[in-house]
C-alpha cells in the first residue's frame, strides 16, 4: 500500500567539511576572545583572523590539488 522509503547516499565533499570545520572553529575562538576581552577586540584578534584565513585558503588549495584529502 505504501511506496518504498526513499534512501540516498550522501557524500560530503572534503572542501565543504573543511570549510564548515574552520568556520565553526573560528566562530568559537572569536566568541571566546570577545568574551575574554569584554567585547573590545584589538589588532591581535584581527591578525589572528587573517592568519587563520590564510591557513584555511592554503588547506583548501592543497585539498583542491589532491595533495591532501
C-alpha atoms as a PDB file:
ATOM      1  CA  UNK A   1       0.000   0.000   0.000  1.00  0.00           C
ATOM      2  CA  UNK A   2       2.790   2.425   0.884  1.00  0.00           C
ATOM      3  CA  UNK A   3       5.680   3.116  -1.511  1.00  0.00           C
ATOM      4  CA  UNK A   4       9.270   2.166  -0.706  1.00  0.00           C
ATOM      5  CA  UNK A   5      11.056   4.709   1.524  1.00  0.00           C
ATOM      6  CA  UNK A   6      13.464   6.983  -0.281  1.00  0.00           C
ATOM      7  CA  UNK A   7      17.125   6.382   0.523  1.00  0.00           C
ATOM      8  CA  UNK A   8      20.085   8.345  -0.761  1.00  0.00           C
ATOM      9  CA  UNK A   9      23.818   8.036  -0.356  1.00  0.00           C
ATOM     10  CA  UNK A  10      25.138  11.469   0.517  1.00  0.00           C
ATOM     11  CA  UNK A  11      28.858  12.056   0.201  1.00  0.00           C
ATOM     12  CA  UNK A  12      30.396  15.061   1.912  1.00  0.00           C
ATOM     13  CA  UNK A  13      32.949  16.931  -0.164  1.00  0.00           C
ATOM     14  CA  UNK A  14      36.275  17.363   1.704  1.00  0.00           C
ATOM     15  CA  UNK A  15      36.310  21.074   0.847  1.00  0.00           C
ATOM     16  CA  UNK A  16      32.863  21.523   2.366  1.00  0.00           C
ATOM     17  CA  UNK A  17      33.813  19.617   5.505  1.00  0.00           C
ATOM     18  CA  UNK A  18      36.989  21.728   5.776  1.00  0.00           C
ATOM     19  CA  UNK A  19      35.051  24.959   5.362  1.00  0.00           C
ATOM     20  CA  UNK A  20      32.457  24.003   7.961  1.00  0.00           C
ATOM     21  CA  UNK A  21      35.084  22.923  10.495  1.00  0.00           C
ATOM     22  CA  UNK A  22      37.138  26.082  10.053  1.00  0.00           C
ATOM     23  CA  UNK A  23      34.073  28.322  10.211  1.00  0.00           C
ATOM     24  CA  UNK A  24      32.844  26.690  13.405  1.00  0.00           C
ATOM     25  CA  UNK A  25      36.297  26.828  14.988  1.00  0.00           C
ATOM     26  CA  UNK A  26      36.868  30.466  14.108  1.00  0.00           C
ATOM     27  CA  UNK A  27      33.423  31.444  15.387  1.00  0.00           C
ATOM     28  CA  UNK A  28      34.051  29.714  18.722  1.00  0.00           C
ATOM     29  CA  UNK A  29      37.527  31.250  19.063  1.00  0.00           C
ATOM     30  CA  UNK A  30      36.216  34.708  18.196  1.00  0.00           C
ATOM     31  CA  UNK A  31      33.391  34.397  20.698  1.00  0.00           C
ATOM     32  CA  UNK A  32      35.794  33.279  23.441  1.00  0.00           C
ATOM     33  CA  UNK A  33      38.253  36.080  22.616  1.00  0.00           C
ATOM     34  CA  UNK A  34      35.479  38.662  22.590  1.00  0.00           C
ATOM     35  CA  UNK A  35      34.073  37.499  25.911  1.00  0.00           C
ATOM     36  CA  UNK A  36      37.540  37.385  27.496  1.00  0.00           C
ATOM     37  CA  UNK A  37      38.306  40.966  26.426  1.00  0.00           C
ATOM     38  CA  UNK A  38      34.870  42.315  27.408  1.00  0.00           C
ATOM     39  CA  UNK A  39      33.976  42.670  23.711  1.00  0.00           C
ATOM     40  CA  UNK A  40      36.783  45.098  22.925  1.00  0.00           C
ATOM     41  CA  UNK A  41      38.799  43.479  20.160  1.00  0.00           C
ATOM     42  CA  UNK A  42      42.232  44.736  19.196  1.00  0.00           C
ATOM     43  CA  UNK A  43      44.755  44.268  16.431  1.00  0.00           C
ATOM     44  CA  UNK A  44      45.888  40.926  17.797  1.00  0.00           C
ATOM     45  CA  UNK A  45      42.487  39.392  17.152  1.00  0.00           C
ATOM     46  CA  UNK A  46      42.414  40.856  13.644  1.00  0.00           C
ATOM     47  CA  UNK A  47      45.883  39.499  12.895  1.00  0.00           C
ATOM     48  CA  UNK A  48      44.877  36.071  14.211  1.00  0.00           C
ATOM     49  CA  UNK A  49      41.804  36.041  11.987  1.00  0.00           C
ATOM     50  CA  UNK A  50      43.904  36.959   8.934  1.00  0.00           C
ATOM     51  CA  UNK A  51      46.405  34.189   9.733  1.00  0.00           C
ATOM     52  CA  UNK A  52      43.590  31.659  10.179  1.00  0.00           C
ATOM     53  CA  UNK A  53      42.086  32.733   6.859  1.00  0.00           C
ATOM     54  CA  UNK A  54      45.407  32.282   5.053  1.00  0.00           C
ATOM     55  CA  UNK A  55      45.754  28.823   6.627  1.00  0.00           C
ATOM     56  CA  UNK A  56      42.219  27.996   5.513  1.00  0.00           C
ATOM     57  CA  UNK A  57      42.959  29.062   1.937  1.00  0.00           C
ATOM     58  CA  UNK A  58      46.188  27.061   1.890  1.00  0.00           C
ATOM     59  CA  UNK A  59      44.377  23.975   3.163  1.00  0.00           C
ATOM     60  CA  UNK A  60      41.635  24.383   0.541  1.00  0.00           C
ATOM     61  CA  UNK A  61      44.277  24.749  -2.157  1.00  0.00           C
ATOM     62  CA  UNK A  62      46.054  21.584  -1.020  1.00  0.00           C
ATOM     63  CA  UNK A  63      42.788  19.644  -0.933  1.00  0.00           C
ATOM     64  CA  UNK A  64      41.793  21.014  -4.328  1.00  0.00           C
ATOM     65  CA  UNK A  65      45.114  19.979  -5.853  1.00  0.00           C
ATOM     66  CA  UNK A  66      44.793  16.494  -4.398  1.00  0.00           C
ATOM     67  CA  UNK A  67      47.788  16.751  -2.077  1.00  0.00           C
ATOM     68  CA  UNK A  68      45.530  16.251   0.964  1.00  0.00           C
ATOM     69  CA  UNK A  69      42.149  14.703   1.364  1.00  0.00           C
END
